[in-house]
PDB file of N, CA and C in Angstrom:
ATOM      1  N   ALA A   1       7.576  -7.456  54.661  1.00  0.00           N
ATOM      2  CA  ALA A   1       6.784  -7.234  54.359  1.00  0.00           C
ATOM      3  C   ALA A   1       7.412  -5.907  52.812  1.00  0.00           C
ATOM      4  N   SER A   2       8.373  -5.431  53.402  1.00  0.00           N
ATOM      5  CA  SER A   2       8.850  -4.821  52.395  1.00  0.00           C
ATOM      6  C   SER A   2       9.438  -5.431  50.821  1.00  0.00           C
ATOM      7  N   SER A   3      10.084  -6.408  51.865  1.00  0.00           N
ATOM      8  CA  SER A   3      10.734  -6.990  50.464  1.00  0.00           C
ATOM      9  C   SER A   3       9.617  -8.119  49.493  1.00  0.00           C
ATOM     10  N   SER A   4       8.690  -8.379  49.926  1.00  0.00           N
ATOM     11  CA  SER A   4       7.481  -8.665  49.058  1.00  0.00           C
ATOM     12  C   SER A   4       7.290  -7.776  48.277  1.00  0.00           C
ATOM     13  N   SER A   5       7.213  -6.498  48.358  1.00  0.00           N
ATOM     14  CA  SER A   5       6.310  -5.653  48.018  1.00  0.00           C
ATOM     15  C   SER A   5       7.568  -5.297  46.523  1.00  0.00           C
ATOM     16  N   SER A   6       8.744  -5.489  46.868  1.00  0.00           N
ATOM     17  CA  SER A   6       9.406  -4.945  46.187  1.00  0.00           C
ATOM     18  C   SER A   6       9.530  -6.186  45.031  1.00  0.00           C
ATOM     19  N   SER A   7       9.597  -7.471  45.614  1.00  0.00           N
ATOM     20  CA  SER A   7       9.522  -8.555  44.603  1.00  0.00           C
ATOM     21  C   SER A   7       8.456  -8.459  43.731  1.00  0.00           C
ATOM     22  N   SER A   8       6.929  -8.349  44.770  1.00  0.00           N
ATOM     23  CA  SER A   8       5.798  -8.349  43.559  1.00  0.00           C
ATOM     24  C   SER A   8       5.881  -7.246  42.269  1.00  0.00           C
ATOM     25  N   SER A   9       6.709  -6.072  42.805  1.00  0.00           N
ATOM     26  CA  SER A   9       6.679  -4.698  41.807  1.00  0.00           C
ATOM     27  C   SER A   9       7.553  -5.236  40.647  1.00  0.00           C
ATOM     28  N   SER A  10       9.044  -5.734  41.000  1.00  0.00           N
ATOM     29  CA  SER A  10       9.721  -6.237  39.731  1.00  0.00           C
ATOM     30  C   SER A  10       9.086  -7.079  39.194  1.00  0.00           C
ATOM     31  N   SER A  11       8.625  -8.079  39.537  1.00  0.00           N
ATOM     32  CA  SER A  11       7.607  -8.825  38.904  1.00  0.00           C
ATOM     33  C   SER A  11       6.769  -8.121  37.833  1.00  0.00           C
ATOM     34  N   SER A  12       5.706  -7.400  38.143  1.00  0.00           N
ATOM     35  CA  SER A  12       5.196  -6.907  37.336  1.00  0.00           C
ATOM     36  C   SER A  12       6.119  -5.928  36.429  1.00  0.00           C
ATOM     37  N   THR A  13       7.089  -5.475  36.663  1.00  0.00           N
ATOM     38  CA  THR A  13       7.533  -4.368  35.704  1.00  0.00           C
ATOM     39  C   THR A  13       8.188  -5.718  34.821  1.00  0.00           C
ATOM     40  N   LYS A  14       8.619  -6.866  35.124  1.00  0.00           N
ATOM     41  CA  LYS A  14       9.378  -7.584  33.926  1.00  0.00           C
ATOM     42  C   LYS A  14       8.264  -7.949  33.466  1.00  0.00           C
ATOM     43  N   SER A  15       7.011  -8.127  33.822  1.00  0.00           N
ATOM     44  CA  SER A  15       5.903  -9.063  33.009  1.00  0.00           C
ATOM     45  C   SER A  15       5.514  -7.856  31.772  1.00  0.00           C
ATOM     46  N   GLN A  16       5.351  -6.675  32.323  1.00  0.00           N
ATOM     47  CA  GLN A  16       5.485  -5.114  31.456  1.00  0.00           C
ATOM     48  C   GLN A  16       6.617  -4.926  30.272  1.00  0.00           C
ATOM     49  N   GLN A  17       7.541  -5.465  30.498  1.00  0.00           N
ATOM     50  CA  GLN A  17       8.418  -5.521  29.861  1.00  0.00           C
ATOM     51  C   GLN A  17       8.340  -6.833  28.408  1.00  0.00           C
ATOM     52  N   ASP A  18       8.093  -7.579  29.106  1.00  0.00           N
ATOM     53  CA  ASP A  18       7.840  -8.949  28.333  1.00  0.00           C
ATOM     54  C   ASP A  18       6.576  -8.694  27.265  1.00  0.00           C
ATOM     55  N   ALA A  19       5.863  -8.198  27.791  1.00  0.00           N
ATOM     56  CA  ALA A  19       4.723  -7.998  26.954  1.00  0.00           C
ATOM     57  C   ALA A  19       5.350  -6.874  25.878  1.00  0.00           C
ATOM     58  N   ASP A  20       5.897  -5.510  26.083  1.00  0.00           N
ATOM     59  CA  ASP A  20       6.266  -5.199  25.290  1.00  0.00           C
ATOM     60  C   ASP A  20       6.773  -5.199  24.175  1.00  0.00           C
ATOM     61  N   ASN A  21       7.910  -6.256  24.737  1.00  0.00           N
ATOM     62  CA  ASN A  21       8.771  -6.867  23.981  1.00  0.00           C
ATOM     63  C   ASN A  21       8.448  -7.806  22.528  1.00  0.00           C
ATOM     64  N   ASP A  22       7.294  -8.440  23.456  1.00  0.00           N
ATOM     65  CA  ASP A  22       6.496  -9.184  22.574  1.00  0.00           C
ATOM     66  C   ASP A  22       5.549  -8.236  21.521  1.00  0.00           C
ATOM     67  N   HIS A  23       4.797  -7.477  21.885  1.00  0.00           N
ATOM     68  CA  HIS A  23       4.296  -6.429  20.547  1.00  0.00           C
ATOM     69  C   HIS A  23       5.491  -5.913  19.951  1.00  0.00           C
ATOM     70  N   THR A  24       6.519  -5.428  20.134  1.00  0.00           N
ATOM     71  CA  THR A  24       7.862  -4.928  19.526  1.00  0.00           C
ATOM     72  C   THR A  24       7.886  -6.019  17.951  1.00  0.00           C
ATOM     73  N   ASN A  25       7.954  -7.403  18.436  1.00  0.00           N
ATOM     74  CA  ASN A  25       8.610  -8.012  17.685  1.00  0.00           C
ATOM     75  C   ASN A  25       7.156  -8.519  16.891  1.00  0.00           C
ATOM     76  N   THR A  26       6.119  -8.614  17.137  1.00  0.00           N
ATOM     77  CA  THR A  26       5.239  -8.544  16.182  1.00  0.00           C
ATOM     78  C   THR A  26       4.824  -7.754  15.514  1.00  0.00           C
ATOM     79  N   THR A  27       5.086  -6.255  15.726  1.00  0.00           N
ATOM     80  CA  THR A  27       5.074  -5.435  14.720  1.00  0.00           C
ATOM     81  C   THR A  27       6.023  -5.485  13.728  1.00  0.00           C
ATOM     82  N   THR A  28       7.514  -5.851  14.118  1.00  0.00           N
ATOM     83  CA  THR A  28       8.585  -6.018  13.231  1.00  0.00           C
ATOM     84  C   THR A  28       8.280  -7.170  12.328  1.00  0.00           C
ATOM     85  N   THR A  29       7.484  -8.023  12.351  1.00  0.00           N
ATOM     86  CA  THR A  29       7.831  -9.276  11.532  1.00  0.00           C
ATOM     87  C   THR A  29       6.242  -9.107  10.383  1.00  0.00           C
ATOM     88  N   THR A  30       5.200  -8.564  10.979  1.00  0.00           N
ATOM     89  CA  THR A  30       4.393  -7.569  10.149  1.00  0.00           C
ATOM     90  C   THR A  30       5.144  -6.585   9.258  1.00  0.00           C
ATOM     91  N   THR A  31       5.561  -5.757   9.765  1.00  0.00           N
ATOM     92  CA  THR A  31       6.178  -4.848   8.582  1.00  0.00           C
ATOM     93  C   THR A  31       7.411  -5.380   7.794  1.00  0.00           C
ATOM     94  N   LYS A  32       8.164  -6.404   7.850  1.00  0.00           N
ATOM     95  CA  LYS A  32       8.975  -7.286   7.026  1.00  0.00           C
ATOM     96  C   LYS A  32       8.124  -7.875   6.103  1.00  0.00           C
ATOM     97  N   GLU A  33       6.974  -8.281   6.566  1.00  0.00           N
ATOM     98  CA  GLU A  33       6.268  -9.042   5.817  1.00  0.00           C
ATOM     99  C   GLU A  33       5.774  -8.391   4.881  1.00  0.00           C
ATOM    100  N   HIS A  34       4.907  -7.174   5.042  1.00  0.00           N
ATOM    101  CA  HIS A  34       4.677  -5.874   4.200  1.00  0.00           C
ATOM    102  C   HIS A  34       5.979  -5.733   3.266  1.00  0.00           C
ATOM    103  N   ARG A  35       7.028  -5.019   3.475  1.00  0.00           N
ATOM    104  CA  ARG A  35       7.870  -5.121   2.339  1.00  0.00           C
ATOM    105  C   ARG A  35       8.397  -5.688   1.486  1.00  0.00           C
ATOM    106  N   SER A  36       8.052  -7.282   2.012  1.00  0.00           N
ATOM    107  CA  SER A  36       8.597  -8.026   0.947  1.00  0.00           C
ATOM    108  C   SER A  36       7.914  -8.264  -0.152  1.00  0.00           C
ATOM    109  N   THR A  37       6.630  -7.484  -0.126  1.00  0.00           N
ATOM    110  CA  THR A  37       5.848  -7.769  -0.908  1.00  0.00           C
ATOM    111  C   THR A  37       6.085  -6.846  -2.312  1.00  0.00           C
ATOM    112  N   PRO A  38       6.448  -7.025  -3.358  1.00  0.00           N
ATOM    113  CA  PRO A  38       6.822  -6.091  -4.730  1.00  0.00           C
ATOM    114  C   PRO A  38       5.970  -5.637  -5.100  1.00  0.00           C
ATOM    115  N   VAL A  39       5.998  -4.358  -5.226  1.00  0.00           N
ATOM    116  CA  VAL A  39       5.011  -2.872  -5.582  1.00  0.00           C
ATOM    117  C   VAL A  39       5.265  -2.330  -6.628  1.00  0.00           C
ATOM    118  N   ALA A  40       4.274  -1.957  -7.442  1.00  0.00           N
ATOM    119  CA  ALA A  40       4.706  -1.292  -8.878  1.00  0.00           C
ATOM    120  C   ALA A  40       4.214  -0.027  -8.516  1.00  0.00           C
ATOM    121  N   THR A  41       4.614   1.486  -9.405  1.00  0.00           N
ATOM    122  CA  THR A  41       3.365   2.528  -9.814  1.00  0.00           C
ATOM    123  C   THR A  41       3.323   2.199 -11.144  1.00  0.00           C
ATOM    124  N   ALA A  42       1.886   2.515 -11.733  1.00  0.00           N
ATOM    125  CA  ALA A  42       1.584   2.005 -13.261  1.00  0.00           C
ATOM    126  C   ALA A  42       0.777   3.061 -13.205  1.00  0.00           C
ATOM    127  N   ASN A  43       0.505   4.041 -14.604  1.00  0.00           N
ATOM    128  CA  ASN A  43      -0.479   4.336 -15.406  1.00  0.00           C
ATOM    129  C   ASN A  43      -1.533   3.384 -15.663  1.00  0.00           C
ATOM    130  N   ILE A  44      -2.387   3.890 -15.561  1.00  0.00           N
ATOM    131  CA  ILE A  44      -3.446   2.451 -16.101  1.00  0.00           C
ATOM    132  C   ILE A  44      -5.505   3.086 -16.462  1.00  0.00           C
ATOM    133  N   LYS A  45      -5.293   2.761 -17.803  1.00  0.00           N
ATOM    134  CA  LYS A  45      -6.284   3.600 -18.603  1.00  0.00           C
ATOM    135  C   LYS A  45      -7.149   2.307 -18.520  1.00  0.00           C
ATOM    136  N   TYR A  46      -8.788   2.807 -17.616  1.00  0.00           N
ATOM    137  CA  TYR A  46     -10.049   2.065 -17.721  1.00  0.00           C
ATOM    138  C   TYR A  46     -11.169   2.262 -18.928  1.00  0.00           C
ATOM    139  N   ARG A  47     -11.574   1.656 -19.136  1.00  0.00           N
ATOM    140  CA  ARG A  47     -12.785   1.788 -19.705  1.00  0.00           C
ATOM    141  C   ARG A  47     -14.255   2.021 -19.313  1.00  0.00           C
ATOM    142  N   ASN A  48     -14.453   1.657 -18.415  1.00  0.00           N
ATOM    143  CA  ASN A  48     -15.719   1.972 -17.827  1.00  0.00           C
ATOM    144  C   ASN A  48     -15.239   2.080 -16.279  1.00  0.00           C
ATOM    145  N   GLU A  49     -16.504   2.405 -15.532  1.00  0.00           N
ATOM    146  CA  GLU A  49     -16.480   2.531 -13.768  1.00  0.00           C
ATOM    147  C   GLU A  49     -16.272   1.082 -13.425  1.00  0.00           C
ATOM    148  N   ALA A  50     -16.644   0.125 -14.128  1.00  0.00           N
ATOM    149  CA  ALA A  50     -16.218  -1.539 -13.321  1.00  0.00           C
ATOM    150  C   ALA A  50     -14.762  -1.646 -13.567  1.00  0.00           C
ATOM    151  N   GLY A  51     -14.123  -0.942 -14.743  1.00  0.00           N
ATOM    152  CA  GLY A  51     -12.760  -0.880 -14.402  1.00  0.00           C
ATOM    153  C   GLY A  51     -11.845   0.115 -13.681  1.00  0.00           C
ATOM    154  N   ARG A  52     -12.518   1.152 -13.143  1.00  0.00           N
ATOM    155  CA  ARG A  52     -12.175   2.110 -12.247  1.00  0.00           C
ATOM    156  C   ARG A  52     -11.818   1.401 -11.022  1.00  0.00           C
ATOM    157  N   ALA A  53     -13.494   0.687 -10.752  1.00  0.00           N
ATOM    158  CA  ALA A  53     -13.264   0.066  -9.475  1.00  0.00           C
ATOM    159  C   ALA A  53     -12.419  -1.431  -9.087  1.00  0.00           C
ATOM    160  N   ALA A  54     -12.306  -1.845 -10.540  1.00  0.00           N
ATOM    161  CA  ALA A  54     -11.092  -3.117 -10.440  1.00  0.00           C
ATOM    162  C   ALA A  54      -9.678  -2.363 -10.042  1.00  0.00           C
ATOM    163  N   ILE A  55      -9.248  -1.289 -10.497  1.00  0.00           N
ATOM    164  CA  ILE A  55      -7.985  -0.597 -10.027  1.00  0.00           C
ATOM    165  C   ILE A  55      -8.002  -0.331  -8.621  1.00  0.00           C
ATOM    166  N   LEU A  56      -8.815   0.459  -8.135  1.00  0.00           N
ATOM    167  CA  LEU A  56      -9.058   0.860  -6.988  1.00  0.00           C
ATOM    168  C   LEU A  56      -8.788  -0.245  -5.903  1.00  0.00           C
ATOM    169  N   ALA A  57      -9.393  -1.513  -6.100  1.00  0.00           N
ATOM    170  CA  ALA A  57      -9.744  -2.231  -5.131  1.00  0.00           C
ATOM    171  C   ALA A  57      -8.143  -2.842  -5.118  1.00  0.00           C
ATOM    172  N   VAL A  58      -7.236  -3.057  -6.045  1.00  0.00           N
ATOM    173  CA  VAL A  58      -6.290  -3.549  -5.772  1.00  0.00           C
ATOM    174  C   VAL A  58      -5.218  -2.698  -5.464  1.00  0.00           C
ATOM    175  N   SER A  59      -5.224  -1.292  -5.524  1.00  0.00           N
ATOM    176  CA  SER A  59      -4.443  -0.486  -5.329  1.00  0.00           C
ATOM    177  C   SER A  59      -4.131  -0.108  -3.761  1.00  0.00           C
ATOM    178  N   THR A  60      -3.188   0.148  -3.565  1.00  0.00           N
ATOM    179  CA  THR A  60      -2.541   0.807  -2.275  1.00  0.00           C
ATOM    180  C   THR A  60      -2.389   2.647  -2.090  1.00  0.00           C
ATOM    181  N   SER A  61      -2.459   2.938  -3.111  1.00  0.00           N
ATOM    182  CA  SER A  61      -2.735   4.512  -3.175  1.00  0.00           C
ATOM    183  C   SER A  61      -2.543   4.816  -4.434  1.00  0.00           C
ATOM    184  N   VAL A  62      -3.234   6.198  -4.455  1.00  0.00           N
ATOM    185  CA  VAL A  62      -3.506   6.425  -6.013  1.00  0.00           C
ATOM    186  C   VAL A  62      -2.835   7.671  -5.766  1.00  0.00           C
ATOM    187  N   HIS A  63      -1.732   8.288  -6.864  1.00  0.00           N
ATOM    188  CA  HIS A  63      -0.799   9.382  -6.899  1.00  0.00           C
ATOM    189  C   HIS A  63      -1.741  10.622  -7.656  1.00  0.00           C
ATOM    190  N   HIS A  64      -2.577  10.150  -8.928  1.00  0.00           N
ATOM    191  CA  HIS A  64      -2.638  10.884  -9.699  1.00  0.00           C
ATOM    192  C   HIS A  64      -4.499  10.350 -10.744  1.00  0.00           C
ATOM    193  N   ASP A  65      -5.200  10.688 -10.199  1.00  0.00           N
ATOM    194  CA  ASP A  65      -6.525  10.460 -10.852  1.00  0.00           C
ATOM    195  C   ASP A  65      -7.063  11.705 -12.006  1.00  0.00           C
ATOM    196  N   PHE A  66      -7.315  11.483 -13.170  1.00  0.00           N
ATOM    197  CA  PHE A  66      -7.311  12.171 -14.093  1.00  0.00           C
ATOM    198  C   PHE A  66      -8.627  12.311 -14.591  1.00  0.00           C
ATOM    199  N   GLY A  67      -9.414  11.357 -14.182  1.00  0.00           N
ATOM    200  CA  GLY A  67     -10.973  11.426 -14.058  1.00  0.00           C
ATOM    201  C   GLY A  67     -11.743  11.087 -15.425  1.00  0.00           C
ATOM    202  N   THR A  68     -12.166  11.199 -15.759  1.00  0.00           N
ATOM    203  CA  THR A  68     -12.949  11.194 -17.296  1.00  0.00           C
ATOM    204  C   THR A  68     -12.527  12.041 -18.053  1.00  0.00           C
ATOM    205  N   LEU A  69     -11.789  13.389 -18.170  1.00  0.00           N
ATOM    206  CA  LEU A  69     -10.747  13.701 -18.713  1.00  0.00           C
ATOM    207  C   LEU A  69     -10.177  12.389 -19.750  1.00  0.00           C
ATOM    208  N   THR A  70      -9.234  11.591 -19.267  1.00  0.00           N
ATOM    209  CA  THR A  70      -8.547  10.456 -19.716  1.00  0.00           C
ATOM    210  C   THR A  70      -8.833   9.025 -19.754  1.00  0.00           C
ATOM    211  N   SER A  71      -9.235   8.946 -18.456  1.00  0.00           N
ATOM    212  CA  SER A  71      -9.793   7.766 -17.818  1.00  0.00           C
ATOM    213  C   SER A  71      -8.862   7.011 -17.506  1.00  0.00           C
ATOM    214  N   ILE A  72      -7.549   7.583 -16.916  1.00  0.00           N
ATOM    215  CA  ILE A  72      -6.134   7.172 -16.640  1.00  0.00           C
ATOM    216  C   ILE A  72      -6.160   7.326 -15.061  1.00  0.00           C
ATOM    217  N   LEU A  73      -5.642   6.197 -14.151  1.00  0.00           N
ATOM    218  CA  LEU A  73      -5.341   6.433 -13.032  1.00  0.00           C
ATOM    219  C   LEU A  73      -3.772   6.180 -12.633  1.00  0.00           C
ATOM    220  N   ASN A  74      -3.034   6.871 -11.983  1.00  0.00           N
ATOM    221  CA  ASN A  74      -1.686   6.685 -11.609  1.00  0.00           C
ATOM    222  C   ASN A  74      -1.719   5.847 -10.324  1.00  0.00           C
ATOM    223  N   VAL A  75      -1.097   5.090  -9.965  1.00  0.00           N
ATOM    224  CA  VAL A  75      -1.053   4.034  -8.476  1.00  0.00           C
ATOM    225  C   VAL A  75      -0.196   3.538  -8.067  1.00  0.00           C
ATOM    226  N   THR A  76      -0.135   2.856  -7.001  1.00  0.00           N
ATOM    227  CA  THR A  76       0.870   2.117  -6.787  1.00  0.00           C
ATOM    228  C   THR A  76      -0.146   0.877  -6.106  1.00  0.00           C
ATOM    229  N   LEU A  77       0.198  -0.634  -6.770  1.00  0.00           N
ATOM    230  CA  LEU A  77      -0.305  -1.137  -6.550  1.00  0.00           C
ATOM    231  C   LEU A  77       0.287  -2.526  -6.249  1.00  0.00           C
ATOM    232  N   PRO A  78       0.549  -3.743  -6.060  1.00  0.00           N
ATOM    233  CA  PRO A  78       0.965  -5.113  -5.834  1.00  0.00           C
ATOM    234  C   PRO A  78       1.438  -5.556  -7.327  1.00  0.00           C
ATOM    235  N   ALA A  79       2.628  -5.560  -7.517  1.00  0.00           N
ATOM    236  CA  ALA A  79       3.391  -6.048  -8.752  1.00  0.00           C
ATOM    237  C   ALA A  79       2.248  -7.099  -9.136  1.00  0.00           C
ATOM    238  N   ALA A  80       1.840  -8.237  -8.315  1.00  0.00           N
ATOM    239  CA  ALA A  80       1.627  -9.356  -9.174  1.00  0.00           C
ATOM    240  C   ALA A  80       0.282  -9.115  -9.781  1.00  0.00           C
ATOM    241  N   ALA A  81      -0.619  -8.075  -8.995  1.00  0.00           N
ATOM    242  CA  ALA A  81      -1.863  -7.677  -9.793  1.00  0.00           C
ATOM    243  C   ALA A  81      -2.088  -6.991 -11.147  1.00  0.00           C
ATOM    244  N   ILE A  82      -0.974  -6.501 -11.718  1.00  0.00           N
ATOM    245  CA  ILE A  82      -0.400  -6.160 -12.946  1.00  0.00           C
ATOM    246  C   ILE A  82      -0.986  -7.196 -14.340  1.00  0.00           C
ATOM    247  N   PRO A  83      -0.618  -8.332 -14.114  1.00  0.00           N
ATOM    248  CA  PRO A  83      -1.055  -9.237 -14.897  1.00  0.00           C
ATOM    249  C   PRO A  83      -2.535  -9.149 -14.965  1.00  0.00           C
ATOM    250  N   ASP A  84      -3.196  -9.149 -14.162  1.00  0.00           N
ATOM    251  CA  ASP A  84      -5.062  -9.732 -13.907  1.00  0.00           C
ATOM    252  C   ASP A  84      -5.358  -8.535 -14.270  1.00  0.00           C
ATOM    253  N   LEU A  85      -4.962  -7.060 -13.968  1.00  0.00           N
ATOM    254  CA  LEU A  85      -5.812  -5.968 -14.352  1.00  0.00           C
ATOM    255  C   LEU A  85      -5.342  -5.612 -15.905  1.00  0.00           C
ATOM    256  N   GLY A  86      -4.310  -6.779 -16.418  1.00  0.00           N
ATOM    257  CA  GLY A  86      -4.256  -6.261 -17.928  1.00  0.00           C
ATOM    258  C   GLY A  86      -5.005  -7.114 -18.729  1.00  0.00           C
ATOM    259  N   SER A  87      -5.433  -8.313 -17.984  1.00  0.00           N
ATOM    260  CA  SER A  87      -6.312  -9.077 -18.968  1.00  0.00           C
ATOM    261  C   SER A  87      -8.105  -8.518 -18.555  1.00  0.00           C
ATOM    262  N   ASN A  88      -7.903  -7.912 -17.556  1.00  0.00           N
ATOM    263  CA  ASN A  88      -9.637  -7.693 -17.107  1.00  0.00           C
ATOM    264  C   ASN A  88     -10.077  -6.756 -18.498  1.00  0.00           C
ATOM    265  N   PRO A  89     -11.110  -7.316 -19.178  1.00  0.00           N
ATOM    266  CA  PRO A  89     -11.798  -6.562 -20.115  1.00  0.00           C
ATOM    267  C   PRO A  89     -12.406  -4.827 -19.799  1.00  0.00           C
ATOM    268  N   ASN A  90     -12.577  -4.370 -18.452  1.00  0.00           N
ATOM    269  CA  ASN A  90     -12.460  -3.555 -18.379  1.00  0.00           C
ATOM    270  C   ASN A  90     -11.525  -2.080 -18.222  1.00  0.00           C
ATOM    271  N   VAL A  91     -10.529  -2.649 -18.339  1.00  0.00           N
ATOM    272  CA  VAL A  91      -9.306  -2.064 -18.425  1.00  0.00           C
ATOM    273  C   VAL A  91      -8.473  -2.335 -19.845  1.00  0.00           C
ATOM    274  N   GLU A  92      -8.421  -0.895 -20.619  1.00  0.00           N
ATOM    275  CA  GLU A  92      -8.027  -0.559 -21.742  1.00  0.00           C
ATOM    276  C   GLU A  92      -6.509  -1.060 -21.717  1.00  0.00           C
ATOM    277  N   TRP A  93      -5.543  -0.612 -20.788  1.00  0.00           N
ATOM    278  CA  TRP A  93      -3.983  -0.515 -21.101  1.00  0.00           C
ATOM    279  C   TRP A  93      -3.370  -0.379 -19.395  1.00  0.00           C
ATOM    280  N   VAL A  94      -2.447  -0.952 -19.408  1.00  0.00           N
ATOM    281  CA  VAL A  94      -1.486  -1.165 -18.154  1.00  0.00           C
ATOM    282  C   VAL A  94       0.024  -0.744 -18.410  1.00  0.00           C
ATOM    283  N   ASP A  95       0.523   0.606 -18.190  1.00  0.00           N
ATOM    284  CA  ASP A  95       1.791   0.797 -18.353  1.00  0.00           C
ATOM    285  C   ASP A  95       2.538   0.609 -16.907  1.00  0.00           C
ATOM    286  N   GLY A  96       3.188  -0.298 -17.152  1.00  0.00           N
ATOM    287  CA  GLY A  96       3.945  -0.788 -15.633  1.00  0.00           C
ATOM    288  C   GLY A  96       5.180   0.816 -15.285  1.00  0.00           C
ATOM    289  N   ASN A  97       5.301   1.624 -16.436  1.00  0.00           N
ATOM    290  CA  ASN A  97       6.075   2.486 -16.134  1.00  0.00           C
ATOM    291  C   ASN A  97       6.247   3.684 -15.215  1.00  0.00           C
ATOM    292  N   GLY A  98       4.744   3.773 -15.053  1.00  0.00           N
ATOM    293  CA  GLY A  98       4.085   4.683 -13.782  1.00  0.00           C
ATOM    294  C   GLY A  98       4.434   6.121 -13.962  1.00  0.00           C
ATOM    295  N   ALA A  99       5.223   6.426 -14.988  1.00  0.00           N
ATOM    296  CA  ALA A  99       5.768   7.855 -15.129  1.00  0.00           C
ATOM    297  C   ALA A  99       4.728   8.792 -15.348  1.00  0.00           C
ATOM    298  N   VAL A 100       4.413   9.902 -15.153  1.00  0.00           N
ATOM    299  CA  VAL A 100       4.274  11.193 -15.261  1.00  0.00           C
ATOM    300  C   VAL A 100       4.171  12.454 -15.454  1.00  0.00           C
ATOM    301  N   TYR A 101       4.136  12.871 -16.900  1.00  0.00           N
ATOM    302  CA  TYR A 101       5.093  14.221 -17.128  1.00  0.00           C
ATOM    303  C   TYR A 101       3.713  15.321 -17.254  1.00  0.00           C
ATOM    304  N   PHE A 102       3.951  16.467 -16.184  1.00  0.00           N
ATOM    305  CA  PHE A 102       3.280  17.341 -16.553  1.00  0.00           C
ATOM    306  C   PHE A 102       3.980  18.562 -17.972  1.00  0.00           C
ATOM    307  N   VAL A 103       3.209  18.875 -19.161  1.00  0.00           N
ATOM    308  CA  VAL A 103       3.786  19.543 -19.999  1.00  0.00           C
ATOM    309  C   VAL A 103       2.955  21.182 -19.694  1.00  0.00           C
ATOM    310  N   GLN A 104       3.840  22.015 -19.661  1.00  0.00           N
ATOM    311  CA  GLN A 104       3.261  23.661 -19.644  1.00  0.00           C
ATOM    312  C   GLN A 104       2.451  23.671 -21.583  1.00  0.00           C
ATOM    313  N   PRO A 105       1.282  24.463 -21.360  1.00  0.00           N
ATOM    314  CA  PRO A 105       0.948  24.587 -22.459  1.00  0.00           C
ATOM    315  C   PRO A 105       2.104  25.419 -23.506  1.00  0.00           C
ATOM    316  N   TRP A 106       2.518  25.481 -24.918  1.00  0.00           N
ATOM    317  CA  TRP A 106       3.143  26.342 -25.126  1.00  0.00           C
ATOM    318  C   TRP A 106       1.940  27.455 -25.351  1.00  0.00           C
ATOM    319  N   ARG A 107       2.505  28.420 -25.240  1.00  0.00           N
ATOM    320  CA  ARG A 107       2.181  30.253 -25.622  1.00  0.00           C
ATOM    321  C   ARG A 107       2.125  30.748 -26.484  1.00  0.00           C
ATOM    322  N   TYR A 108       2.290  31.580 -27.446  1.00  0.00           N
ATOM    323  CA  TYR A 108       2.139  32.325 -28.458  1.00  0.00           C
ATOM    324  C   TYR A 108       2.603  33.902 -28.074  1.00  0.00           C
TER     325      TYR A 108
END
């Protein structure tokens, strides 16, 4: 009786290990697929709220939102989305460089 119990325990452990391995392989595949999508950081100036919404809809992250002061967003997005945003009438321009410089005001 004890040998069948041991065999049953061994089978359930093996099944759990197989399930864990399957989960690991699935996660790895998903990560590789995600990493294969080229991304870019860009500064994008929008004309109105529809333009802002279009930018946010395709962005994976927002680094700086300058609001209505300049209507510019600094975002990371799929590189393939840049031409579409550039031709959107609600977007004024797209700078694919994505650099942001903060300058301290000059004081007399």
